[in-house]
Protein backbone atom coordinates (compact mmCIF):
# COMPACT_ATOMS: atom_id res chain seq x y z
CA MET A 1 -69.53 11.80 53.78
CA ASN A 2 -69.61 12.36 50.01
CA THR A 3 -65.86 11.78 49.81
CA LEU A 4 -66.25 8.38 51.48
CA ILE A 5 -69.09 7.47 49.10
CA VAL A 6 -67.01 8.47 46.09
CA LEU A 7 -63.94 6.58 47.29
CA THR A 8 -65.85 3.38 48.00
CA ALA A 9 -67.93 3.64 44.82
CA LYS A 10 -64.88 4.12 42.62
CA TYR A 11 -62.06 2.24 44.29
CA LEU A 12 -63.20 -0.31 46.89
CA TYR A 13 -63.58 -2.98 44.22
CA LEU A 14 -59.82 -2.69 43.58
CA ILE A 15 -59.12 -3.41 47.25
CA ILE A 16 -61.42 -6.44 46.99
CA VAL A 17 -59.41 -7.71 44.01
CA LEU A 18 -56.14 -7.03 45.86
CA ILE A 19 -57.32 -8.98 48.92
CA ALA A 20 -58.41 -11.83 46.62
CA ILE A 21 -54.96 -11.88 45.01
CA ILE A 22 -53.36 -12.10 48.46
CA VAL A 23 -55.70 -14.95 49.43
CA PHE A 24 -54.86 -16.68 46.15
CA LEU A 25 -51.10 -16.30 46.66
CA LYS A 26 -51.34 -17.67 50.23
CA ALA A 27 -53.58 -20.58 49.21
CA ASP A 28 -52.30 -24.12 48.80
CA LYS A 29 -51.93 -25.60 45.33
CA GLN A 30 -55.32 -27.35 45.40
CA ASP A 31 -57.18 -24.14 46.31
CA LYS A 32 -55.26 -22.19 43.67
CA VAL A 33 -56.34 -24.69 41.02
CA ARG A 34 -59.95 -24.48 42.27
CA LEU A 35 -59.92 -20.68 42.14
CA ILE A 36 -58.45 -20.65 38.64
CA LYS A 37 -61.09 -23.12 37.43
CA LEU A 38 -63.86 -21.08 39.07
CA ALA A 39 -62.57 -17.88 37.46
CA VAL A 40 -62.24 -19.48 34.02
CA ILE A 41 -65.82 -20.76 34.17
CA ALA A 42 -67.65 -18.12 36.26
CA GLY A 43 -66.11 -15.07 34.56
CA PRO A 44 -67.31 -15.85 31.04
CA LEU A 45 -70.68 -17.09 32.35
CA ALA A 46 -71.17 -13.76 34.13
CA LEU A 47 -70.18 -11.82 31.00
CA ILE A 48 -72.73 -13.75 28.94
CA MET A 49 -75.43 -13.12 31.54
CA VAL A 50 -74.54 -9.41 31.68
CA PHE A 51 -74.72 -9.14 27.90
CA ILE A 52 -78.12 -10.82 27.77
CA SER A 53 -79.61 -9.07 30.80
CA SER A 54 -78.45 -5.62 29.73
CA HIS A 55 -80.28 -6.13 26.43
CA LEU A 56 -83.43 -7.37 28.12
CA PHE A 57 -83.56 -4.73 30.84
CA TYR A 58 -82.65 -1.08 30.38
CA ASP A 59 -82.44 0.96 33.56
CA THR A 60 -81.86 4.67 33.07
CA ARG A 61 -79.40 5.90 35.67
CA PRO A 62 -80.81 7.81 38.66
CA PHE A 63 -78.97 11.04 37.91
CA VAL A 64 -80.61 11.13 34.47
CA VAL A 65 -84.14 10.42 35.71
CA GLN A 66 -83.88 12.72 38.72
CA ASN A 67 -81.97 15.40 36.80
CA ILE A 68 -79.30 15.66 39.51
CA GLN A 69 -75.53 15.75 39.50
CA PRO A 70 -74.03 12.32 40.34
CA LEU A 71 -71.20 12.24 42.86
CA ILE A 72 -69.10 10.49 40.21
CA PRO A 73 -69.13 11.68 36.61
CA HIS A 74 -70.69 8.94 34.50
CA SER A 75 -72.15 8.47 31.05
CA PRO A 76 -75.95 8.30 30.93
CA ASP A 77 -76.01 4.72 29.65
CA ASN A 78 -77.76 1.60 30.92
CA GLY A 79 -77.21 1.18 34.65
CA PHE A 80 -78.16 -2.50 34.72
CA PRO A 81 -76.28 -4.35 36.07
CA SER A 82 -73.59 -2.64 38.14
CA ASP A 83 -70.20 -3.74 36.79
CA HIS A 84 -68.34 -2.72 39.97
CA THR A 85 -70.71 -4.72 42.15
CA LEU A 86 -70.64 -7.68 39.80
CA ILE A 87 -66.84 -7.88 39.78
CA SER A 88 -66.72 -7.44 43.55
CA MET A 89 -69.32 -10.11 44.26
CA LEU A 90 -67.93 -12.51 41.65
CA VAL A 91 -64.53 -12.30 43.35
CA ALA A 92 -66.05 -12.56 46.84
CA LEU A 93 -68.14 -15.63 46.06
CA SER A 94 -65.25 -17.34 44.30
CA ILE A 95 -62.96 -16.76 47.28
CA TYR A 96 -65.74 -17.96 49.58
CA ARG A 97 -65.57 -21.38 47.87
CA VAL A 98 -62.03 -21.90 49.19
CA LYS A 99 -61.66 -19.52 52.17
CA LYS A 100 -65.00 -18.88 53.88
CA ASN A 101 -63.89 -16.09 56.26
CA ALA A 102 -62.15 -14.12 53.52
CA GLY A 103 -65.15 -14.67 51.23
CA VAL A 104 -67.57 -13.30 53.83
CA LEU A 105 -65.40 -10.23 54.35
CA LEU A 106 -65.19 -9.64 50.60
CA ALA A 107 -68.95 -10.12 50.19
CA ILE A 108 -69.56 -7.47 52.85
CA LEU A 109 -67.18 -5.15 51.03
CA ALA A 110 -68.97 -5.93 47.75
CA LEU A 111 -72.27 -4.90 49.35
CA ILE A 112 -70.62 -1.66 50.44
CA VAL A 113 -69.49 -1.10 46.84
CA GLY A 114 -73.06 -1.55 45.63
CA THR A 115 -74.53 0.66 48.34
CA SER A 116 -72.03 3.42 47.62
CA ARG A 117 -72.88 3.32 43.92
CA VAL A 118 -76.54 3.82 44.81
CA LEU A 119 -75.64 6.67 47.17
CA ALA A 120 -73.53 8.24 44.41
CA HIS A 121 -76.70 8.37 42.24
CA ILE A 122 -75.28 6.21 39.46
CA HIS A 123 -77.27 3.02 40.16
CA TYR A 124 -80.60 1.94 41.52
CA PRO A 125 -80.82 -0.92 44.05
CA VAL A 126 -82.17 -3.21 41.30
CA ASP A 127 -78.88 -2.74 39.41
CA ILE A 128 -76.98 -3.89 42.48
CA LEU A 129 -79.34 -6.81 43.14
CA GLY A 130 -79.05 -7.86 39.51
CA SER A 131 -75.27 -7.93 39.79
CA ILE A 132 -75.41 -10.01 42.96
CA VAL A 133 -77.82 -12.51 41.39
CA ILE A 134 -75.68 -12.80 38.25
CA ALA A 135 -72.56 -13.38 40.36
CA MET A 136 -74.35 -16.01 42.46
CA ILE A 137 -75.61 -17.87 39.40
CA ALA A 138 -72.23 -17.71 37.63
CA VAL A 139 -70.24 -18.97 40.62
CA GLY A 140 -72.93 -21.52 41.48
CA LEU A 141 -72.97 -22.95 37.95
CA ALA A 142 -69.17 -22.91 37.78
CA SER A 143 -69.02 -24.80 41.08
CA LEU A 144 -71.50 -27.38 39.80
CA LEU A 145 -69.55 -27.87 36.58
CA PHE A 146 -66.33 -28.10 38.53
CA LYS A 147 -67.78 -30.77 40.87
CA LYS A 148 -69.13 -32.84 37.97
CA ARG A 149 -65.71 -32.89 36.32
CA ASN A 150 -64.00 -34.27 39.45
């Protein structure tokens, strides 16, 4: 079981990105343009929100607080928000805007990424929730800006 947790915590986000690339390559020109615009707007928005939130909220990692060995070696820095979950959910929600079924699948996988990072003792659930909220706000704002420009 620990091997599965480690694999999903460390590498599942890469599979999510790979699936997103495949969806992008198979998409028509209009959807490709939409995805590029979403990425160009949502990515930097998410980075700004991560920068601000990580300075406002410091969450010591579980393995430090509980004095246990994490399943994945990690530095004892701020755990908020989870970068792996943020990237996964940002990609999933962006894909959802153009291909709903693929977006739902990727969102489920993103939740698995977050859950596995909690099970690996490197994040608390609040770190995962924070990442999901940041991704939702970033993609939501990017979608609004994109709609207003068209």
